[in-house]
Protein backbone atom coordinates (compact mmCIF):
# COMPACT_ATOMS: atom_id res chain seq x y z
CA UNK A 1 134.16 -66.53 164.38
CA UNK A 2 135.78 -63.27 163.13
CA UNK A 3 133.12 -60.98 162.88
CA UNK A 4 134.13 -56.99 163.26
CA UNK A 5 133.28 -53.92 161.74
CA UNK A 6 135.73 -54.61 159.28
CA UNK A 7 135.67 -58.16 158.51
CA UNK A 8 133.08 -60.88 158.01
CA UNK A 9 133.95 -64.52 158.41
CA UNK A 10 130.70 -66.73 157.90
CA UNK A 11 130.00 -69.83 159.68
CA UNK A 12 127.17 -70.89 157.40
CA UNK A 13 125.44 -69.70 154.12
CA UNK A 14 122.64 -68.25 156.33
CA UNK A 15 125.31 -65.98 157.96
CA UNK A 16 125.77 -62.54 156.22
CA UNK A 17 125.37 -58.92 156.87
CA UNK A 18 122.21 -56.89 156.38
CA UNK A 19 121.78 -54.24 153.96
CA UNK A 20 119.82 -51.12 154.24
CA UNK A 21 119.48 -47.93 152.20
CA UNK A 22 117.19 -46.41 149.34
CA UNK A 23 119.49 -47.51 146.59
CA UNK A 24 119.43 -51.13 147.65
CA UNK A 25 115.91 -51.65 148.58
CA UNK A 26 113.71 -54.60 146.55
CA UNK A 27 117.02 -55.33 144.81
CA UNK A 28 117.90 -58.98 144.63
CA UNK A 29 121.22 -60.20 145.57
CA UNK A 30 123.85 -62.57 144.25
CA UNK A 31 125.63 -64.52 146.98
CA UNK A 32 129.40 -65.15 146.54
CA UNK A 33 132.07 -66.81 148.13
CA UNK A 34 135.06 -64.70 147.94
CA UNK A 35 138.29 -66.04 147.37
CA UNK A 36 140.57 -63.18 146.81
CA UNK A 37 140.54 -59.62 148.21
CA UNK A 38 143.24 -56.68 148.41
CA UNK A 39 143.70 -53.83 150.67
CA UNK A 40 143.61 -50.24 149.12
CA UNK A 41 144.66 -46.86 150.86
CA UNK A 42 141.04 -45.68 150.29
CA UNK A 43 140.19 -48.22 152.89
CA UNK A 44 142.47 -46.99 155.54
CA UNK A 45 140.97 -43.17 154.83
CA UNK A 46 137.58 -44.84 155.40
CA UNK A 47 139.15 -45.86 159.00
CA UNK A 48 140.70 -42.44 159.61
CA UNK A 49 137.50 -40.72 158.76
CA UNK A 50 138.99 -38.89 156.02
CA UNK A 51 136.63 -40.50 153.36
CA UNK A 52 132.64 -40.39 153.60
CA UNK A 53 131.68 -43.72 154.62
CA UNK A 54 128.88 -45.64 156.72
CA UNK A 55 131.49 -46.73 159.22
CA UNK A 56 130.89 -43.87 161.71
CA UNK A 57 127.03 -44.67 161.81
CA UNK A 58 127.66 -48.66 162.32
CA UNK A 59 129.02 -51.67 161.26
CA UNK A 60 130.30 -52.16 157.36
CA UNK A 61 132.38 -54.77 156.09
CA UNK A 62 135.50 -52.79 154.31
CA UNK A 63 137.09 -53.74 151.09
CA UNK A 64 136.29 -53.09 147.40
CA UNK A 65 138.85 -54.99 145.56
CA UNK A 66 138.20 -58.85 144.87
CA UNK A 67 136.45 -61.73 143.38
CA UNK A 68 135.24 -65.12 144.08
CA UNK A 69 132.66 -67.90 142.98
CA UNK A 70 128.93 -67.62 142.82
CA UNK A 71 127.01 -69.68 145.45
CA UNK A 72 123.26 -68.64 144.69
CA UNK A 73 122.40 -66.06 142.20
CA UNK A 74 118.77 -66.18 142.83
CA UNK A 75 116.80 -64.97 139.89
CA UNK A 76 120.02 -64.47 138.08
CA UNK A 77 120.87 -67.99 138.08
CA UNK A 78 120.41 -68.74 134.31
CA UNK A 79 123.23 -65.93 133.37
CA UNK A 80 125.29 -66.71 136.63
CA UNK A 81 125.11 -70.55 137.37
CA UNK A 82 126.44 -71.59 140.74
CA UNK A 83 130.10 -71.96 140.34
CA UNK A 84 130.62 -68.84 138.00
CA UNK A 85 133.83 -66.84 138.92
CA UNK A 86 133.19 -63.17 139.15
CA UNK A 87 135.16 -59.73 139.75
CA UNK A 88 133.54 -57.44 142.35
CA UNK A 89 133.02 -54.15 140.81
CA UNK A 90 132.40 -51.55 143.81
CA UNK A 91 130.62 -48.93 141.91
CA UNK A 92 126.75 -48.72 142.81
CA UNK A 93 125.07 -46.04 140.47
CA UNK A 94 121.51 -44.86 140.56
CA UNK A 95 120.56 -45.70 137.05
CA UNK A 96 118.01 -43.13 137.16
CA UNK A 97 116.65 -42.05 133.61
CA UNK A 98 117.29 -38.50 134.70
CA UNK A 99 120.96 -38.95 135.80
CA UNK A 100 123.03 -37.37 133.21
CA UNK A 101 126.25 -39.49 133.99
CA UNK A 102 124.05 -42.98 133.91
CA UNK A 103 122.22 -42.03 130.88
CA UNK A 104 125.62 -40.90 128.94
CA UNK A 105 127.19 -43.98 130.11
CA UNK A 106 129.91 -42.26 132.17
CA UNK A 107 128.42 -43.92 135.25
CA UNK A 108 131.79 -43.25 137.18
CA UNK A 109 130.30 -39.52 137.36
CA UNK A 110 126.97 -40.65 139.00
CA UNK A 111 126.30 -38.24 141.75
CA UNK A 112 124.42 -40.48 143.76
CA UNK A 113 126.91 -43.27 143.42
CA UNK A 114 127.50 -45.42 146.53
CA UNK A 115 130.71 -47.87 146.76
CA UNK A 116 131.15 -51.33 148.18
CA UNK A 117 133.32 -50.90 151.39
CA UNK A 118 132.59 -47.66 151.87
CA UNK A 119 128.53 -47.13 152.17
CA UNK A 120 127.75 -50.94 151.15
CA UNK A 121 129.50 -54.14 152.62
CA UNK A 122 132.40 -55.02 150.94
CA UNK A 123 134.75 -57.92 150.00
CA UNK A 124 136.82 -58.51 153.28
CA UNK A 125 134.67 -61.62 153.87
CA UNK A 126 134.56 -65.22 153.09
CA UNK A 127 130.51 -65.19 151.99
CA UNK A 128 128.73 -62.01 150.95
CA UNK A 129 125.73 -60.98 148.95
CA UNK A 130 126.28 -58.19 146.18
CA UNK A 131 123.87 -56.37 143.99
CA UNK A 132 123.91 -58.13 140.55
CA UNK A 133 125.09 -54.87 138.81
CA UNK A 134 128.32 -55.18 141.15
CA UNK A 135 129.44 -58.52 139.46
CA UNK A 136 131.52 -59.11 136.28
CA UNK A 137 131.71 -62.59 135.09
CA UNK A 138 135.06 -63.92 133.91
CA UNK A 139 136.22 -66.88 132.48
CA UNK A 140 137.08 -70.18 134.37
CA UNK A 141 140.70 -69.88 133.82
CA UNK A 142 141.11 -66.43 134.95
CA UNK A 143 143.70 -66.44 137.81
CA UNK A 144 142.27 -66.34 141.15
CA UNK A 145 145.22 -63.85 142.20
CA UNK A 146 144.19 -61.35 139.49
CA UNK A 147 140.84 -60.89 140.82
CA UNK A 148 141.74 -57.97 142.98
CA UNK A 149 143.86 -56.21 140.52
CA UNK A 150 140.41 -55.76 138.00
CA UNK A 151 139.21 -52.64 139.73
CA UNK A 152 142.45 -50.84 140.08
CA UNK A 153 143.55 -51.62 136.76
CA UNK A 154 140.17 -50.47 135.09
CA UNK A 155 140.92 -46.90 136.96
CA UNK A 156 144.21 -46.92 135.38
CA UNK A 157 142.95 -47.65 131.82
CA UNK A 158 140.59 -45.09 132.01
CA UNK A 159 143.33 -42.79 132.82
CA UNK A 160 145.33 -43.83 129.84
CA UNK A 161 142.23 -43.45 127.54
CA UNK A 162 141.72 -39.88 128.84
CA UNK A 163 145.44 -39.07 127.68
CA UNK A 164 145.85 -41.20 124.53
CA UNK A 165 146.32 -38.16 122.22
CA UNK A 166 148.84 -36.80 124.29
CA UNK A 167 150.99 -39.93 124.90
CA UNK A 168 151.01 -40.36 120.95
CA UNK A 169 152.47 -36.87 120.91
CA UNK A 170 155.09 -37.84 123.38
CA UNK A 171 156.08 -41.05 121.88
CA UNK A 172 156.73 -39.68 118.41
CA UNK A 173 158.07 -36.28 119.26
CA UNK A 174 161.36 -35.17 121.08
CA UNK A 175 163.17 -38.44 122.15
CA UNK A 176 164.19 -36.92 125.45
CA UNK A 177 160.66 -36.13 126.46
CA UNK A 178 159.02 -38.13 129.37
CA UNK A 179 156.33 -38.93 131.36
CA UNK A 180 156.36 -38.05 135.14
CA UNK A 181 154.63 -40.08 137.82
CA UNK A 182 154.28 -38.22 140.89
CA UNK A 183 153.67 -40.96 143.55
CA UNK A 184 155.30 -44.35 143.90
CA UNK A 185 152.57 -45.91 145.78
CA UNK A 186 150.47 -49.16 144.49
CA UNK A 187 148.70 -47.07 141.81
CA UNK A 188 151.50 -45.06 140.79
CA UNK A 189 153.42 -48.54 140.32
CA UNK A 190 150.41 -49.90 138.55
CA UNK A 191 150.21 -46.95 136.10
CA UNK A 192 153.85 -47.43 135.70
CA UNK A 193 153.58 -51.05 134.52
CA UNK A 194 150.71 -50.08 132.31
CA UNK A 195 152.88 -47.51 130.41
CA UNK A 196 155.72 -49.88 130.19
CA UNK A 197 153.32 -52.44 128.40
CA UNK A 198 151.35 -50.05 126.23
CA UNK A 199 154.27 -47.82 125.35
CA UNK A 200 157.39 -49.58 125.35
CA UNK A 201 160.42 -47.55 125.16
CA UNK A 202 158.88 -44.28 126.29
CA UNK A 203 160.89 -42.71 129.58
CA UNK A 204 159.28 -42.59 132.72
CA UNK A 205 160.36 -40.81 135.94
CA UNK A 206 158.77 -41.63 139.12
CA UNK A 207 158.91 -39.18 142.01
CA UNK A 208 158.47 -40.18 145.59
CA UNK A 209 160.00 -38.71 148.92
CA UNK A 210 159.60 -41.96 150.75
CA UNK A 211 162.88 -44.11 150.57
CA UNK A 212 161.39 -47.43 150.97
CA UNK A 213 158.55 -46.52 148.72
CA UNK A 214 161.29 -45.66 146.03
CA UNK A 215 163.27 -48.75 146.97
CA UNK A 216 160.00 -51.14 146.37
CA UNK A 217 159.07 -49.23 143.05
CA UNK A 218 162.57 -49.62 141.75
CA UNK A 219 162.21 -53.39 142.16
CA UNK A 220 158.87 -53.62 140.44
CA UNK A 221 159.47 -51.08 137.69
CA UNK A 222 163.03 -51.63 136.82
CA UNK A 223 162.55 -49.58 133.34
CA UNK A 224 161.59 -46.40 135.35
CA UNK A 225 163.77 -43.82 137.03
CA UNK A 226 162.70 -43.26 140.76
CA UNK A 227 163.71 -40.34 142.65
CA UNK A 228 163.17 -38.37 145.68
CA UNK A 229 162.41 -35.27 144.04
CA UNK A 230 162.55 -33.88 140.59
CA UNK A 231 165.91 -32.12 139.40
CA UNK A 232 164.94 -28.49 138.21
CA UNK A 233 166.20 -29.24 134.66
CA UNK A 234 164.17 -32.35 134.36
CA UNK A 235 160.80 -31.36 132.61
CA UNK A 236 158.43 -33.45 130.43
CA UNK A 237 155.42 -33.08 128.75
CA UNK A 238 152.96 -35.36 130.40
CA UNK A 239 152.70 -35.96 134.23
CA UNK A 240 150.59 -38.04 136.60
CA UNK A 241 149.34 -36.98 139.81
CA UNK A 242 148.90 -40.28 141.65
CA UNK A 243 149.04 -39.02 145.22
CA UNK A 244 146.76 -36.89 147.34
CA UNK A 245 149.45 -34.73 148.41
CA UNK A 246 148.80 -30.75 147.37
CA UNK A 247 152.39 -30.44 146.71
CA UNK A 248 152.55 -33.00 144.10
CA UNK A 249 149.93 -31.13 141.94
CA UNK A 250 151.86 -27.94 142.48
CA UNK A 251 155.10 -29.78 141.40
CA UNK A 252 153.49 -31.12 138.28
CA UNK A 253 152.41 -27.81 137.31
CA UNK A 254 156.15 -26.44 138.18
CA UNK A 255 157.92 -29.04 136.01
CA UNK A 256 155.79 -29.89 133.18
CA UNK A 257 156.76 -28.04 129.85
CA UNK A 258 154.72 -25.45 128.25
CA UNK A 259 151.84 -26.92 126.20
CA UNK A 260 151.98 -30.42 128.33
CA UNK A 261 149.32 -32.36 129.98
CA UNK A 262 148.76 -33.07 133.77
CA UNK A 263 146.28 -36.15 134.30
CA UNK A 264 144.85 -35.49 137.98
CA UNK A 265 144.15 -39.20 139.04
CA UNK A 266 144.09 -38.73 142.50
CA UNK A 267 141.78 -36.64 144.86
CA UNK A 268 143.49 -33.92 147.07
CA UNK A 269 143.95 -34.44 150.71
CA UNK A 270 141.29 -32.66 153.03
CA UNK A 271 144.06 -30.64 154.83
CA UNK A 272 144.52 -28.57 151.67
CA UNK A 273 140.96 -28.52 150.74
CA UNK A 274 140.16 -26.71 153.85
CA UNK A 275 143.57 -24.80 154.50
CA UNK A 276 143.64 -21.56 156.22
CA UNK A 277 145.66 -20.03 153.40
CA UNK A 278 142.99 -18.84 150.81
CA UNK A 279 145.41 -19.21 147.73
CA UNK A 280 146.18 -22.99 148.74
CA UNK A 281 142.72 -23.63 149.40
CA UNK A 282 141.35 -22.26 146.27
CA UNK A 283 143.81 -24.17 144.18
CA UNK A 284 143.29 -27.32 145.97
CA UNK A 285 139.84 -27.24 145.29
CA UNK A 286 140.44 -26.44 141.62
CA UNK A 287 142.68 -29.64 141.35
CA UNK A 288 139.85 -31.63 143.09
CA UNK A 289 137.01 -30.66 140.94
CA UNK A 290 138.96 -31.39 137.71
CA UNK A 291 139.76 -34.90 139.24
CA UNK A 292 136.18 -35.62 140.43
CA UNK A 293 134.31 -34.50 137.69
CA UNK A 294 136.74 -35.50 134.77
CA UNK A 295 136.93 -32.05 133.55
CA UNK A 296 139.56 -30.52 131.16
CA UNK A 297 140.97 -27.16 131.93
CA UNK A 298 143.57 -24.85 130.98
CA UNK A 299 146.17 -23.37 133.65
CA UNK A 300 148.40 -20.34 132.38
CA UNK A 301 151.29 -19.15 134.43
CA UNK A 302 152.40 -15.77 133.37
CA UNK A 303 155.81 -15.88 135.35
CA UNK A 304 156.81 -19.19 134.01
CA UNK A 305 155.42 -18.05 130.49
CA UNK A 306 153.58 -21.38 129.80
CA UNK A 307 150.28 -22.88 129.45
CA UNK A 308 149.23 -26.46 130.49
CA UNK A 309 146.08 -28.67 130.09
CA UNK A 310 144.79 -30.36 133.20
CA UNK A 311 142.68 -33.42 133.10
CA UNK A 312 140.61 -35.33 135.41
CA UNK A 313 140.26 -39.02 135.49
CA UNK A 314 137.89 -40.57 138.03
CA UNK A 315 136.98 -44.38 138.68
CA UNK A 316 136.09 -46.71 135.77
CA UNK A 317 133.14 -47.82 133.73
CA UNK A 318 131.99 -51.19 132.84
CA UNK A 319 133.94 -51.06 129.52
CA UNK A 320 137.22 -49.96 131.23
CA UNK A 321 136.76 -53.21 133.98
CA UNK A 322 136.23 -55.45 130.85
CA UNK A 323 139.26 -54.22 129.23
CA UNK A 324 141.33 -54.87 132.57
CA UNK A 325 139.99 -58.32 132.52
CA UNK A 326 141.26 -58.98 129.15
CA UNK A 327 144.41 -57.38 129.93
CA UNK A 328 145.08 -59.22 133.08
CA UNK A 329 143.87 -62.54 131.09
CA UNK A 330 146.91 -62.13 128.83
CA UNK A 331 149.47 -60.10 130.77
CA UNK A 332 148.90 -60.99 134.52
CA UNK A 333 152.61 -62.10 135.01
CA UNK A 334 153.49 -58.67 133.71
CA UNK A 335 151.34 -56.86 136.63
CA UNK A 336 151.92 -59.60 139.25
CA UNK A 337 154.89 -57.84 140.78
CA UNK A 338 152.59 -55.42 142.09
CA UNK A 339 151.44 -58.16 144.49
CA UNK A 340 154.19 -58.13 146.84
CA UNK A 341 152.49 -59.02 149.74
CA UNK A 342 150.09 -62.09 150.90
CA UNK A 343 147.97 -63.08 153.66
CA UNK A 344 146.39 -66.45 154.23
CA UNK A 345 143.04 -65.65 155.35
CA UNK A 346 141.30 -63.26 157.39
CA UNK A 347 142.40 -64.66 160.43
CA UNK A 348 145.79 -65.15 159.74
CA UNK A 349 148.42 -63.41 161.94
CA UNK A 350 151.19 -63.78 159.41
CA UNK A 351 151.86 -62.01 156.12
CA UNK A 352 154.76 -62.32 153.58
CA UNK A 353 155.85 -58.90 152.45
CA UNK A 354 158.53 -58.04 149.86
CA UNK A 355 159.88 -61.57 150.59
CA UNK A 356 160.03 -61.22 154.38
CA UNK A 357 157.81 -62.82 156.94
CA UNK A 358 155.86 -60.57 159.56
CA UNK A 359 153.85 -61.83 162.50
CA UNK A 360 151.52 -59.59 164.29
CA UNK A 361 151.14 -61.41 167.94
CA UNK A 362 148.31 -59.06 169.15
CA UNK A 363 146.52 -58.54 165.92
CA UNK A 364 145.59 -60.37 162.68
CA UNK A 365 147.66 -59.42 159.67
CA UNK A 366 144.77 -57.88 157.61
CA UNK A 367 143.84 -55.38 160.47
CA UNK A 368 147.48 -54.71 161.23
CA UNK A 369 147.95 -53.93 157.55
CA UNK A 370 144.73 -51.64 157.54
CA UNK A 371 146.41 -49.46 160.14
CA UNK A 372 144.38 -46.13 159.57
CA UNK A 373 147.43 -44.04 159.56
CA UNK A 374 149.28 -45.92 156.90
CA UNK A 375 152.93 -45.10 156.58
CA UNK A 376 152.59 -42.92 159.48
CA UNK A 377 151.42 -45.77 161.99
CA UNK A 378 154.20 -46.14 164.69
CA UNK A 379 153.33 -49.73 165.35
CA UNK A 380 153.00 -51.15 161.68
CA UNK A 381 154.82 -48.59 159.70
CA UNK A 382 157.55 -50.83 158.47
CA UNK A 383 155.58 -53.67 157.04
CA UNK A 384 152.91 -51.05 155.44
CA UNK A 385 155.83 -48.91 153.70
CA UNK A 386 157.19 -52.01 152.10
CA UNK A 387 153.74 -53.24 150.81
CA UNK A 388 152.76 -52.57 147.40
CA UNK A 389 149.76 -54.68 146.94
CA UNK A 390 148.73 -57.46 149.35
CA UNK A 391 146.57 -60.38 148.18
CA UNK A 392 144.25 -61.92 150.81
CA UNK A 393 143.81 -65.34 149.83
CA UNK A 394 140.40 -66.10 151.46
CA UNK A 395 140.18 -69.82 150.07
């Protein structure tokens, strides 16, 4: 039986990790047999200690993108009968009456939020018990392969809601205007796919210094121009920062035209937040606060004679997840190319990535693709760099 700090492979219904913590005390759980999961860069950040988690203080099952079928819902059996198909939603909010975020419906900003796969056991498991609030029931005909895409797409749809006015102005103003995406990783490509579907015909430029990432993105997004760096003459009125690189946020400010908007979708890397250079540190924390708290701020650059609007988007709310389910139910084939990798079970040594077979003789594929250093990992760098989103087919 594979049973490590990262995965849970159950022998029976009675075998399941224990939960603890004040947010989970006396909460009934629903037992779910997982059928699909997916790896996120956040999982790697947990492994390398760059993201707050419970991994350092004990065992925890990673993973926060996935879904499966209810085995036993306990007191919730009437609304979630055995066999119900569910998406796992990883946000576990406090729900307290005094919490302004929860009370106002902006649960993604709950200051006491805990996350499955970070603070509570996640979805890299064959069988797992989850709090009822983390389960969203979907129709029986909802594609199993689409289950891991609901959570990331919910984050994307929330971001699009945050800048819908900016998108409308771009679509009907200068025909040479464009959206610039900084980052060609999985979320950058998912945002690109959503923009192409929701705003057909708009010009999109995607920027990423990694040549393999650019090649993969070009295949997934044939409608989008993918470049290593943005030409000085290339400016647009709307930019997405979909990478934690501090330099990307700076480039977005430099390349966005006067009166334009920058959407800070990703948190800033820890190196910039704690940089010795005080100017870098202040600016990085300014970006981070906008992202984490979904603030709207004005940034004025006297040297370039322009003023920009910076908006943050962080996570998702229930309505965003519901919208993602409907989007994927109707248009899953449009988003499916994002999933260019697959693993047949947690114990499999083989992975199919971008049409190529990889075998990991000394490690199971899921662990190899979770390499903490990600693209910089010397052992597994090639398959990880070729990977956009991987489907772990658990059953």
